[in-house]
């Protein structure tokens, strides 16, 4: 089941998206908001799989909201739904899964849902013997253990030591380890390391 949260300042557009998504099997609308500020609290409370997001909204643009959602590290996919094509580059810089132009078409929305399903399948737990995926479990992520005292070393779950292709790769891992859970933008990394 895909859990969707909807954000649009136009009530009519919000209602149409809600109706269309409820017609698609395997999609549950878990919340909706009329502006980005409401959406921040709503997304934290509902922890959806995907947020359908308008771009031009009063107060805070959808691009800014997408950045906040991505920085929250909840693994939420972003789909922009807008009447303007001029924001496409900015949207994909925010790692948007899709960019749909209004007016909304059911066939196009189906393709987006299929894309969301594929992305979710990449992080899902393996199925049991009957082929059912476990419900209510967060995606399993491989673990990496890093020792930073002395010489930097990294190990996987089996205790196998990582080998460095270049010294710069090792330096990048150390840089990211120092920043912990904080998201660091690409431009800052490039500026700091090079």
N, C-alpha and C. Protein backbone atom coordinates (compact mmCIF):
# COMPACT_ATOMS: atom_id res chain seq x y z
N UNK A 1 0.85 -1.19 0.00
CA UNK A 1 0.00 0.00 0.00
C UNK A 1 0.89 1.24 0.00
N UNK A 2 0.66 2.14 -0.94
CA UNK A 2 1.37 3.41 -1.01
C UNK A 2 0.60 4.44 -0.19
N UNK A 3 1.27 5.05 0.77
CA UNK A 3 0.66 6.07 1.61
C UNK A 3 1.04 7.44 1.05
N UNK A 4 0.02 8.21 0.62
CA UNK A 4 0.26 9.48 -0.06
C UNK A 4 -0.23 10.66 0.77
N UNK A 5 0.55 11.75 0.72
CA UNK A 5 0.17 13.01 1.36
C UNK A 5 0.12 14.06 0.25
N UNK A 6 -0.92 14.91 0.27
CA UNK A 6 -1.16 15.85 -0.82
C UNK A 6 -1.01 17.29 -0.33
N UNK A 7 -0.32 18.13 -1.12
CA UNK A 7 -0.13 19.53 -0.75
C UNK A 7 -0.40 20.41 -1.97
N UNK A 8 -1.41 21.28 -1.85
CA UNK A 8 -1.73 22.22 -2.93
C UNK A 8 -2.56 23.34 -2.32
N UNK A 9 -2.26 24.58 -2.70
CA UNK A 9 -3.01 25.71 -2.16
C UNK A 9 -4.34 25.91 -2.88
N UNK A 10 -4.54 25.27 -4.02
CA UNK A 10 -5.81 25.36 -4.75
C UNK A 10 -6.69 24.19 -4.34
N UNK A 11 -7.77 24.49 -3.65
CA UNK A 11 -8.66 23.45 -3.11
C UNK A 11 -9.21 22.54 -4.20
N UNK A 12 -9.55 23.10 -5.35
CA UNK A 12 -10.09 22.30 -6.45
C UNK A 12 -9.05 21.28 -6.93
N UNK A 13 -7.83 21.72 -7.13
CA UNK A 13 -6.76 20.81 -7.58
C UNK A 13 -6.49 19.73 -6.54
N UNK A 14 -6.54 20.13 -5.27
CA UNK A 14 -6.33 19.17 -4.17
C UNK A 14 -7.43 18.10 -4.18
N UNK A 15 -8.67 18.53 -4.38
CA UNK A 15 -9.79 17.59 -4.41
C UNK A 15 -9.69 16.62 -5.59
N UNK A 16 -9.32 17.13 -6.76
CA UNK A 16 -9.19 16.27 -7.95
C UNK A 16 -8.09 15.22 -7.74
N UNK A 17 -6.95 15.65 -7.23
CA UNK A 17 -5.86 14.71 -6.97
C UNK A 17 -6.29 13.65 -5.97
N UNK A 18 -6.96 14.07 -4.92
CA UNK A 18 -7.46 13.15 -3.90
C UNK A 18 -8.40 12.11 -4.53
N UNK A 19 -9.35 12.57 -5.33
CA UNK A 19 -10.32 11.66 -5.97
C UNK A 19 -9.59 10.68 -6.90
N UNK A 20 -8.68 11.18 -7.71
CA UNK A 20 -7.95 10.31 -8.65
C UNK A 20 -7.12 9.26 -7.91
N UNK A 21 -6.42 9.67 -6.87
CA UNK A 21 -5.58 8.72 -6.14
C UNK A 21 -6.42 7.65 -5.43
N UNK A 22 -7.57 8.02 -4.92
CA UNK A 22 -8.44 7.06 -4.24
C UNK A 22 -9.01 6.03 -5.22
N UNK A 23 -9.01 6.34 -6.50
CA UNK A 23 -9.48 5.40 -7.53
C UNK A 23 -8.41 4.38 -7.92
N UNK A 24 -7.18 4.62 -7.52
CA UNK A 24 -6.08 3.72 -7.87
C UNK A 24 -5.90 2.70 -6.76
N UNK A 25 -5.99 1.43 -7.12
CA UNK A 25 -5.84 0.37 -6.14
C UNK A 25 -4.42 0.39 -5.56
N UNK A 26 -4.32 0.21 -4.27
CA UNK A 26 -3.02 0.17 -3.61
C UNK A 26 -2.51 1.52 -3.17
N UNK A 27 -3.36 2.56 -3.24
CA UNK A 27 -2.96 3.90 -2.79
C UNK A 27 -3.91 4.35 -1.70
N UNK A 28 -3.35 4.86 -0.61
CA UNK A 28 -4.13 5.41 0.49
C UNK A 28 -3.70 6.86 0.71
N UNK A 29 -4.64 7.78 0.68
CA UNK A 29 -4.36 9.18 0.97
C UNK A 29 -4.41 9.34 2.49
N UNK A 30 -3.27 9.64 3.10
CA UNK A 30 -3.18 9.71 4.57
C UNK A 30 -3.28 11.13 5.11
N UNK A 31 -3.28 12.13 4.21
CA UNK A 31 -3.39 13.50 4.67
C UNK A 31 -3.29 14.47 3.53
N UNK A 32 -3.68 15.71 3.81
CA UNK A 32 -3.59 16.75 2.81
C UNK A 32 -3.47 18.09 3.50
N UNK A 33 -2.85 19.03 2.79
CA UNK A 33 -2.62 20.36 3.35
C UNK A 33 -2.78 21.41 2.26
N UNK A 34 -3.20 22.61 2.66
CA UNK A 34 -3.39 23.70 1.73
C UNK A 34 -2.21 24.63 1.62
N UNK A 35 -1.17 24.39 2.44
CA UNK A 35 0.05 25.20 2.34
C UNK A 35 1.23 24.40 2.90
N UNK A 36 2.42 24.90 2.65
CA UNK A 36 3.63 24.18 3.03
C UNK A 36 3.80 24.08 4.54
N UNK A 37 3.39 25.10 5.28
CA UNK A 37 3.58 25.09 6.73
C UNK A 37 2.72 24.02 7.40
N UNK A 38 1.46 23.87 6.95
CA UNK A 38 0.61 22.79 7.45
C UNK A 38 1.23 21.44 7.08
N UNK A 39 1.77 21.36 5.88
CA UNK A 39 2.31 20.10 5.37
C UNK A 39 3.49 19.60 6.19
N UNK A 40 4.31 20.50 6.69
CA UNK A 40 5.49 20.09 7.47
C UNK A 40 5.04 19.24 8.66
N UNK A 41 4.06 19.74 9.41
CA UNK A 41 3.56 18.99 10.57
C UNK A 41 2.82 17.73 10.13
N UNK A 42 2.02 17.83 9.06
CA UNK A 42 1.26 16.69 8.59
C UNK A 42 2.15 15.54 8.10
N UNK A 43 3.21 15.89 7.39
CA UNK A 43 4.13 14.86 6.89
C UNK A 43 4.86 14.19 8.05
N UNK A 44 5.28 14.97 9.04
CA UNK A 44 5.94 14.38 10.22
C UNK A 44 5.01 13.43 10.95
N UNK A 45 3.74 13.81 11.05
CA UNK A 45 2.77 13.00 11.80
C UNK A 45 2.38 11.72 11.06
N UNK A 46 2.24 11.79 9.75
CA UNK A 46 1.72 10.64 9.00
C UNK A 46 2.82 9.77 8.38
N UNK A 47 4.01 10.33 8.18
CA UNK A 47 5.14 9.61 7.58
C UNK A 47 4.72 8.85 6.31
N UNK A 48 4.28 9.59 5.28
CA UNK A 48 3.82 8.93 4.04
C UNK A 48 4.99 8.38 3.23
N UNK A 49 4.66 7.59 2.22
CA UNK A 49 5.67 7.08 1.30
C UNK A 49 5.99 8.11 0.23
N UNK A 50 4.97 8.90 -0.15
CA UNK A 50 5.13 9.88 -1.22
C UNK A 50 4.33 11.14 -0.89
N UNK A 51 4.89 12.28 -1.26
CA UNK A 51 4.19 13.55 -1.12
C UNK A 51 3.99 14.13 -2.51
N UNK A 52 2.72 14.40 -2.85
CA UNK A 52 2.38 15.07 -4.10
C UNK A 52 2.33 16.56 -3.76
N UNK A 53 3.11 17.34 -4.47
CA UNK A 53 3.41 18.69 -4.02
C UNK A 53 3.28 19.71 -5.15
N UNK A 54 2.46 20.74 -4.93
CA UNK A 54 2.39 21.86 -5.85
C UNK A 54 3.64 22.72 -5.64
N UNK A 55 4.04 23.47 -6.65
CA UNK A 55 5.25 24.27 -6.52
C UNK A 55 4.94 25.70 -6.09
N UNK A 56 4.08 26.38 -6.83
CA UNK A 56 3.79 27.78 -6.51
C UNK A 56 2.69 27.86 -5.47
N UNK A 57 3.11 28.13 -4.23
CA UNK A 57 2.17 28.30 -3.13
C UNK A 57 2.58 29.54 -2.35
N UNK A 58 1.62 30.22 -1.72
CA UNK A 58 1.97 31.41 -0.94
C UNK A 58 2.78 31.04 0.30
N UNK A 59 3.69 31.91 0.68
CA UNK A 59 4.48 31.70 1.89
C UNK A 59 5.75 30.92 1.66
N UNK A 60 5.62 29.70 1.19
CA UNK A 60 6.78 28.84 0.94
C UNK A 60 6.51 28.03 -0.32
N UNK A 61 7.43 28.08 -1.25
CA UNK A 61 7.29 27.31 -2.49
C UNK A 61 7.47 25.81 -2.20
N UNK A 62 6.89 25.01 -3.07
CA UNK A 62 7.01 23.56 -2.94
C UNK A 62 8.45 23.07 -3.03
N UNK A 63 9.29 23.77 -3.78
CA UNK A 63 10.71 23.38 -3.89
C UNK A 63 11.37 23.46 -2.51
N UNK A 64 11.05 24.52 -1.77
CA UNK A 64 11.61 24.67 -0.42
C UNK A 64 11.08 23.59 0.52
N UNK A 65 9.79 23.30 0.41
CA UNK A 65 9.20 22.24 1.23
C UNK A 65 9.83 20.90 0.91
N UNK A 66 10.07 20.63 -0.37
CA UNK A 66 10.71 19.37 -0.76
C UNK A 66 12.08 19.23 -0.11
N UNK A 67 12.83 20.32 -0.04
CA UNK A 67 14.14 20.28 0.59
C UNK A 67 14.02 19.95 2.08
N UNK A 68 13.04 20.52 2.75
CA UNK A 68 12.81 20.23 4.17
C UNK A 68 12.46 18.76 4.35
N UNK A 69 11.59 18.24 3.48
CA UNK A 69 11.20 16.83 3.57
C UNK A 69 12.39 15.92 3.32
N UNK A 70 13.19 16.22 2.30
CA UNK A 70 14.37 15.40 2.01
C UNK A 70 15.37 15.44 3.16
N UNK A 71 15.54 16.60 3.78
CA UNK A 71 16.48 16.73 4.90
C UNK A 71 15.99 16.02 6.15
N UNK A 72 14.70 15.68 6.21
CA UNK A 72 14.16 15.00 7.39
C UNK A 72 14.60 13.54 7.44
N UNK A 73 15.15 13.03 6.36
CA UNK A 73 15.68 11.66 6.30
C UNK A 73 14.63 10.59 6.59
N UNK A 74 13.39 10.82 6.14
CA UNK A 74 12.34 9.82 6.35
C UNK A 74 12.17 8.93 5.12
N UNK A 75 12.95 9.17 4.08
CA UNK A 75 12.86 8.33 2.88
C UNK A 75 11.59 8.56 2.09
N UNK A 76 11.05 9.76 2.15
CA UNK A 76 9.80 10.07 1.46
C UNK A 76 10.10 10.49 0.02
N UNK A 77 9.33 9.95 -0.91
CA UNK A 77 9.47 10.32 -2.31
C UNK A 77 8.66 11.59 -2.59
N UNK A 78 9.16 12.40 -3.49
CA UNK A 78 8.50 13.66 -3.85
C UNK A 78 8.03 13.59 -5.30
N UNK A 79 6.77 13.95 -5.52
CA UNK A 79 6.22 14.09 -6.87
C UNK A 79 5.67 15.51 -6.96
N UNK A 80 6.19 16.29 -7.89
CA UNK A 80 5.68 17.64 -8.09
C UNK A 80 4.53 17.60 -9.07
N UNK A 81 3.49 18.37 -8.76
CA UNK A 81 2.31 18.47 -9.59
C UNK A 81 2.04 19.96 -9.75
N UNK A 82 2.31 20.50 -10.94
CA UNK A 82 2.26 21.94 -11.12
C UNK A 82 1.80 22.32 -12.52
N UNK A 83 1.38 23.55 -12.67
CA UNK A 83 0.96 24.05 -13.97
C UNK A 83 2.12 24.65 -14.76
N UNK A 84 3.30 24.68 -14.16
CA UNK A 84 4.44 25.35 -14.77
C UNK A 84 5.57 24.37 -15.05
N UNK A 85 6.10 24.41 -16.28
CA UNK A 85 7.23 23.53 -16.60
C UNK A 85 8.57 24.16 -16.29
N UNK A 86 8.60 25.44 -15.95
CA UNK A 86 9.87 26.14 -15.74
C UNK A 86 10.60 25.72 -14.46
N UNK A 87 9.95 24.95 -13.60
CA UNK A 87 10.58 24.53 -12.35
C UNK A 87 11.16 23.11 -12.42
N UNK A 88 11.10 22.50 -13.58
CA UNK A 88 11.50 21.09 -13.69
C UNK A 88 12.94 20.85 -13.23
N UNK A 89 13.86 21.69 -13.64
CA UNK A 89 15.27 21.49 -13.25
C UNK A 89 15.41 21.59 -11.73
N UNK A 90 14.80 22.61 -11.14
CA UNK A 90 14.86 22.77 -9.67
C UNK A 90 14.23 21.58 -8.97
N UNK A 91 13.15 21.07 -9.54
CA UNK A 91 12.47 19.92 -8.94
C UNK A 91 13.37 18.70 -8.91
N UNK A 92 14.03 18.42 -10.01
CA UNK A 92 14.88 17.23 -10.05
C UNK A 92 16.17 17.42 -9.26
N UNK A 93 16.57 18.67 -9.02
CA UNK A 93 17.69 18.91 -8.11
C UNK A 93 17.31 18.51 -6.69
N UNK A 94 16.02 18.52 -6.38
CA UNK A 94 15.52 18.07 -5.08
C UNK A 94 15.24 16.57 -5.09
N UNK A 95 15.75 15.88 -6.10
CA UNK A 95 15.60 14.44 -6.23
C UNK A 95 14.13 14.01 -6.33
N UNK A 96 13.34 14.82 -7.03
CA UNK A 96 11.93 14.48 -7.24
C UNK A 96 11.82 13.19 -8.03
N UNK A 97 10.86 12.37 -7.65
CA UNK A 97 10.63 11.11 -8.36
C UNK A 97 9.92 11.36 -9.68
N UNK A 98 9.07 12.39 -9.71
CA UNK A 98 8.35 12.70 -10.94
C UNK A 98 7.91 14.16 -10.91
N UNK A 99 7.50 14.63 -12.10
CA UNK A 99 7.08 16.02 -12.30
C UNK A 99 5.90 15.98 -13.25
N UNK A 100 4.70 16.22 -12.73
CA UNK A 100 3.48 16.11 -13.52
C UNK A 100 2.93 17.51 -13.77
N UNK A 101 2.61 17.78 -15.03
CA UNK A 101 2.01 19.07 -15.38
C UNK A 101 0.49 18.99 -15.28
N UNK A 102 -0.10 20.05 -14.71
CA UNK A 102 -1.56 20.17 -14.67
C UNK A 102 -2.05 20.63 -16.04
N UNK A 103 -3.23 20.27 -16.45
CA UNK A 103 -4.26 19.55 -15.72
C UNK A 103 -3.91 18.06 -15.59
N UNK A 104 -4.28 17.51 -14.47
CA UNK A 104 -3.96 16.13 -14.13
C UNK A 104 -4.74 15.16 -15.02
N UNK A 105 -4.04 14.14 -15.49
CA UNK A 105 -4.66 13.08 -16.28
C UNK A 105 -4.47 11.76 -15.56
N UNK A 106 -5.52 10.96 -15.53
CA UNK A 106 -5.51 9.69 -14.78
C UNK A 106 -4.41 8.75 -15.28
N UNK A 107 -4.23 8.65 -16.59
CA UNK A 107 -3.22 7.75 -17.16
C UNK A 107 -1.81 8.16 -16.70
N UNK A 108 -1.55 9.45 -16.70
CA UNK A 108 -0.24 9.96 -16.28
C UNK A 108 -0.03 9.69 -14.80
N UNK A 109 -1.07 9.83 -14.00
CA UNK A 109 -0.97 9.56 -12.57
C UNK A 109 -0.70 8.08 -12.32
N UNK A 110 -1.30 7.20 -13.11
CA UNK A 110 -1.02 5.75 -13.00
C UNK A 110 0.47 5.47 -13.22
N UNK A 111 1.06 6.10 -14.23
CA UNK A 111 2.49 5.88 -14.49
C UNK A 111 3.34 6.35 -13.32
N UNK A 112 2.94 7.45 -12.71
CA UNK A 112 3.68 7.95 -11.54
C UNK A 112 3.58 6.97 -10.38
N UNK A 113 2.40 6.44 -10.14
CA UNK A 113 2.22 5.47 -9.05
C UNK A 113 3.06 4.22 -9.31
N UNK A 114 3.14 3.78 -10.56
CA UNK A 114 4.00 2.63 -10.89
C UNK A 114 5.46 2.95 -10.58
N UNK A 115 5.87 4.16 -10.86
CA UNK A 115 7.24 4.59 -10.56
C UNK A 115 7.49 4.59 -9.05
N UNK A 116 6.52 5.06 -8.28
CA UNK A 116 6.64 5.05 -6.81
C UNK A 116 6.75 3.60 -6.32
N UNK A 117 5.93 2.71 -6.87
CA UNK A 117 5.97 1.30 -6.47
C UNK A 117 7.33 0.69 -6.73
N UNK A 118 7.92 0.99 -7.88
CA UNK A 118 9.25 0.46 -8.21
C UNK A 118 10.30 0.96 -7.23
N UNK A 119 10.24 2.24 -6.89
CA UNK A 119 11.20 2.80 -5.95
C UNK A 119 11.03 2.19 -4.56
N UNK A 120 9.79 2.00 -4.15
CA UNK A 120 9.54 1.40 -2.84
C UNK A 120 10.01 -0.05 -2.80
N UNK A 121 9.88 -0.76 -3.91
CA UNK A 121 10.30 -2.16 -3.97
C UNK A 121 11.80 -2.29 -3.80
N UNK A 122 12.55 -1.27 -4.20
CA UNK A 122 14.01 -1.32 -4.06
C UNK A 122 14.45 -1.34 -2.61
N UNK A 123 13.65 -0.77 -1.71
CA UNK A 123 14.04 -0.69 -0.31
C UNK A 123 13.21 -1.59 0.59
N UNK A 124 12.33 -2.42 0.01
CA UNK A 124 11.45 -3.28 0.80
C UNK A 124 12.21 -4.47 1.37
N UNK A 125 11.67 -5.01 2.46
CA UNK A 125 12.22 -6.23 3.03
C UNK A 125 11.93 -7.40 2.10
N UNK A 126 12.76 -8.44 2.13
CA UNK A 126 12.48 -9.60 1.28
C UNK A 126 11.15 -10.24 1.67
N UNK A 127 10.50 -10.86 0.71
CA UNK A 127 9.22 -11.51 0.96
C UNK A 127 9.40 -12.79 1.75
N UNK A 128 8.34 -13.21 2.45
CA UNK A 128 8.39 -14.48 3.16
C UNK A 128 8.17 -15.62 2.17
N UNK A 129 8.02 -16.87 2.71
CA UNK A 129 7.89 -18.03 1.81
C UNK A 129 6.67 -17.95 0.90
N UNK A 130 5.59 -17.30 1.36
CA UNK A 130 4.40 -17.18 0.52
C UNK A 130 4.50 -16.02 -0.45
N UNK A 131 5.59 -15.23 -0.39
CA UNK A 131 5.75 -14.10 -1.29
C UNK A 131 5.17 -12.80 -0.76
N UNK A 132 4.78 -12.78 0.52
CA UNK A 132 4.22 -11.57 1.12
C UNK A 132 5.31 -10.74 1.78
N UNK A 133 5.33 -9.46 1.48
CA UNK A 133 6.28 -8.57 2.13
C UNK A 133 5.79 -8.27 3.54
N UNK A 134 6.68 -8.22 4.53
CA UNK A 134 6.26 -7.94 5.89
C UNK A 134 5.65 -6.54 5.99
N UNK A 135 4.54 -6.44 6.69
CA UNK A 135 3.86 -5.15 6.81
C UNK A 135 4.39 -4.38 8.01
N UNK A 136 4.42 -3.06 7.87
CA UNK A 136 4.76 -2.19 8.99
C UNK A 136 6.22 -2.16 9.39
N UNK A 137 7.10 -2.69 8.59
CA UNK A 137 8.52 -2.69 8.90
C UNK A 137 9.24 -1.63 8.07
N UNK A 138 10.19 -0.92 8.67
CA UNK A 138 10.97 0.02 7.87
C UNK A 138 11.90 -0.74 6.94
N UNK A 139 12.33 -0.10 5.84
CA UNK A 139 13.24 -0.79 4.92
C UNK A 139 14.55 -1.15 5.61
N UNK A 140 15.09 -2.31 5.27
CA UNK A 140 16.36 -2.75 5.83
C UNK A 140 17.49 -2.09 5.04
N UNK A 141 18.39 -1.47 5.74
CA UNK A 141 19.54 -0.83 5.11
C UNK A 141 20.80 -1.58 5.55
N UNK A 142 21.70 -1.86 4.63
CA UNK A 142 22.95 -2.50 5.03
C UNK A 142 23.71 -1.58 5.99
N UNK A 143 24.40 -2.18 6.93
CA UNK A 143 25.14 -1.40 7.92
C UNK A 143 26.60 -1.27 7.53
N UNK A 144 27.14 -0.14 7.88
CA UNK A 144 28.54 0.15 7.65
C UNK A 144 29.11 0.62 8.98
N UNK A 145 30.17 0.00 9.43
CA UNK A 145 30.81 0.37 10.67
C UNK A 145 32.10 1.12 10.35
N UNK A 146 32.26 2.27 10.97
CA UNK A 146 33.41 3.13 10.67
C UNK A 146 34.21 3.37 11.93
N UNK A 147 35.53 3.18 11.83
CA UNK A 147 36.44 3.48 12.93
C UNK A 147 37.24 4.71 12.50
N UNK A 148 37.12 5.78 13.29
CA UNK A 148 37.78 7.02 12.89
C UNK A 148 38.99 7.35 13.75
N UNK A 149 39.18 6.65 14.84
CA UNK A 149 40.37 6.90 15.66
C UNK A 149 41.56 6.19 15.01
N UNK A 150 42.66 6.88 14.92
CA UNK A 150 43.81 6.32 14.20
C UNK A 150 43.55 6.42 12.72
N UNK A 151 43.87 5.36 11.97
CA UNK A 151 43.62 5.35 10.53
C UNK A 151 42.15 5.02 10.29
N UNK A 152 41.52 5.70 9.36
CA UNK A 152 40.11 5.47 9.03
C UNK A 152 39.94 4.07 8.45
N UNK A 153 39.00 3.30 9.03
CA UNK A 153 38.67 1.98 8.51
C UNK A 153 37.17 1.83 8.51
N UNK A 154 36.65 1.11 7.53
CA UNK A 154 35.21 0.85 7.43
C UNK A 154 35.00 -0.65 7.20
N UNK A 155 33.97 -1.20 7.87
CA UNK A 155 33.66 -2.62 7.79
C UNK A 155 32.18 -2.81 7.51
N UNK A 156 31.83 -3.88 6.79
CA UNK A 156 30.43 -4.20 6.59
C UNK A 156 29.95 -5.07 7.75
N UNK A 157 28.70 -5.56 7.68
CA UNK A 157 28.12 -6.36 8.76
C UNK A 157 28.86 -7.67 9.02
N UNK A 158 29.51 -8.20 7.99
CA UNK A 158 30.25 -9.46 8.14
C UNK A 158 31.68 -9.25 8.61
N UNK A 159 32.04 -8.00 8.89
CA UNK A 159 33.38 -7.70 9.37
C UNK A 159 34.42 -7.57 8.26
N UNK A 160 33.97 -7.56 7.01
CA UNK A 160 34.89 -7.41 5.89
C UNK A 160 35.28 -5.94 5.75
N UNK A 161 36.56 -5.71 5.64
CA UNK A 161 37.09 -4.35 5.55
C UNK A 161 36.93 -3.80 4.14
N UNK A 162 36.49 -2.55 4.04
CA UNK A 162 36.36 -1.89 2.74
C UNK A 162 37.73 -1.53 2.20
N UNK A 163 37.86 -1.67 0.89
CA UNK A 163 39.11 -1.26 0.23
C UNK A 163 38.83 0.04 -0.50
N UNK A 164 39.76 0.94 -0.45
CA UNK A 164 39.59 2.26 -1.05
C UNK A 164 40.12 2.28 -2.47
N UNK A 165 39.31 2.72 -3.42
CA UNK A 165 39.76 2.85 -4.81
C UNK A 165 40.78 3.97 -4.92
N UNK A 166 40.50 5.07 -4.22
CA UNK A 166 41.42 6.20 -4.22
C UNK A 166 41.44 6.81 -2.82
N UNK A 167 42.43 7.62 -2.56
CA UNK A 167 42.52 8.32 -1.27
C UNK A 167 41.36 9.31 -1.12
N UNK A 168 40.89 9.86 -2.25
CA UNK A 168 39.80 10.84 -2.21
C UNK A 168 38.50 10.18 -1.75
N UNK A 169 38.26 8.92 -2.11
CA UNK A 169 37.07 8.20 -1.66
C UNK A 169 37.11 8.04 -0.15
N UNK A 170 38.28 7.70 0.37
CA UNK A 170 38.46 7.55 1.81
C UNK A 170 38.23 8.89 2.51
N UNK A 171 38.74 9.95 1.92
CA UNK A 171 38.57 11.28 2.48
C UNK A 171 37.09 11.69 2.47
N UNK A 172 36.37 11.35 1.42
CA UNK A 172 34.96 11.68 1.32
C UNK A 172 34.16 10.93 2.40
N UNK A 173 34.45 9.65 2.62
CA UNK A 173 33.76 8.90 3.66
C UNK A 173 34.02 9.52 5.03
N UNK A 174 35.26 9.90 5.30
CA UNK A 174 35.59 10.53 6.58
C UNK A 174 34.81 11.84 6.74
N UNK A 175 34.74 12.61 5.68
CA UNK A 175 34.00 13.88 5.69
C UNK A 175 32.53 13.65 6.03
N UNK A 176 31.91 12.66 5.35
CA UNK A 176 30.50 12.38 5.60
C UNK A 176 30.28 11.80 7.00
N UNK A 177 31.20 10.99 7.49
CA UNK A 177 31.09 10.44 8.83
C UNK A 177 31.13 11.53 9.89
N UNK A 178 31.98 12.53 9.67
CA UNK A 178 32.07 13.64 10.62
C UNK A 178 30.76 14.42 10.66
N UNK A 179 30.08 14.52 9.53
CA UNK A 179 28.82 15.26 9.48
C UNK A 179 27.64 14.44 9.96
N UNK A 180 27.83 13.14 10.22
CA UNK A 180 26.79 12.29 10.81
C UNK A 180 25.49 12.29 10.02
N UNK A 181 24.39 12.55 10.70
CA UNK A 181 23.06 12.52 10.09
C UNK A 181 22.72 13.80 9.34
N UNK A 182 23.59 14.79 9.38
CA UNK A 182 23.33 16.06 8.71
C UNK A 182 23.52 15.90 7.21
N UNK A 183 22.56 16.36 6.46
CA UNK A 183 22.66 16.30 4.99
C UNK A 183 23.61 17.40 4.53
N UNK A 184 24.56 17.05 3.68
CA UNK A 184 25.53 18.01 3.17
C UNK A 184 25.33 18.13 1.67
N UNK A 185 25.17 19.34 1.21
CA UNK A 185 24.92 19.57 -0.21
C UNK A 185 26.18 19.33 -1.05
N UNK A 186 25.99 18.87 -2.26
CA UNK A 186 27.08 18.53 -3.16
C UNK A 186 28.07 19.68 -3.33
N UNK A 187 27.56 20.89 -3.53
CA UNK A 187 28.45 22.04 -3.76
C UNK A 187 29.35 22.30 -2.56
N UNK A 188 28.82 22.10 -1.37
CA UNK A 188 29.64 22.31 -0.16
C UNK A 188 30.74 21.25 -0.07
N UNK A 189 30.40 20.00 -0.39
CA UNK A 189 31.38 18.92 -0.37
C UNK A 189 32.51 19.23 -1.35
N UNK A 190 32.12 19.62 -2.57
CA UNK A 190 33.13 19.93 -3.58
C UNK A 190 34.03 21.07 -3.13
N UNK A 191 33.43 22.08 -2.54
CA UNK A 191 34.19 23.23 -2.07
C UNK A 191 35.14 22.85 -0.94
N UNK A 192 34.66 22.02 0.01
CA UNK A 192 35.48 21.64 1.16
C UNK A 192 36.60 20.67 0.81
N UNK A 193 36.31 19.70 -0.08
CA UNK A 193 37.30 18.67 -0.37
C UNK A 193 38.24 19.00 -1.53
N UNK A 194 37.76 19.81 -2.45
CA UNK A 194 38.60 20.11 -3.60
C UNK A 194 38.92 21.59 -3.63
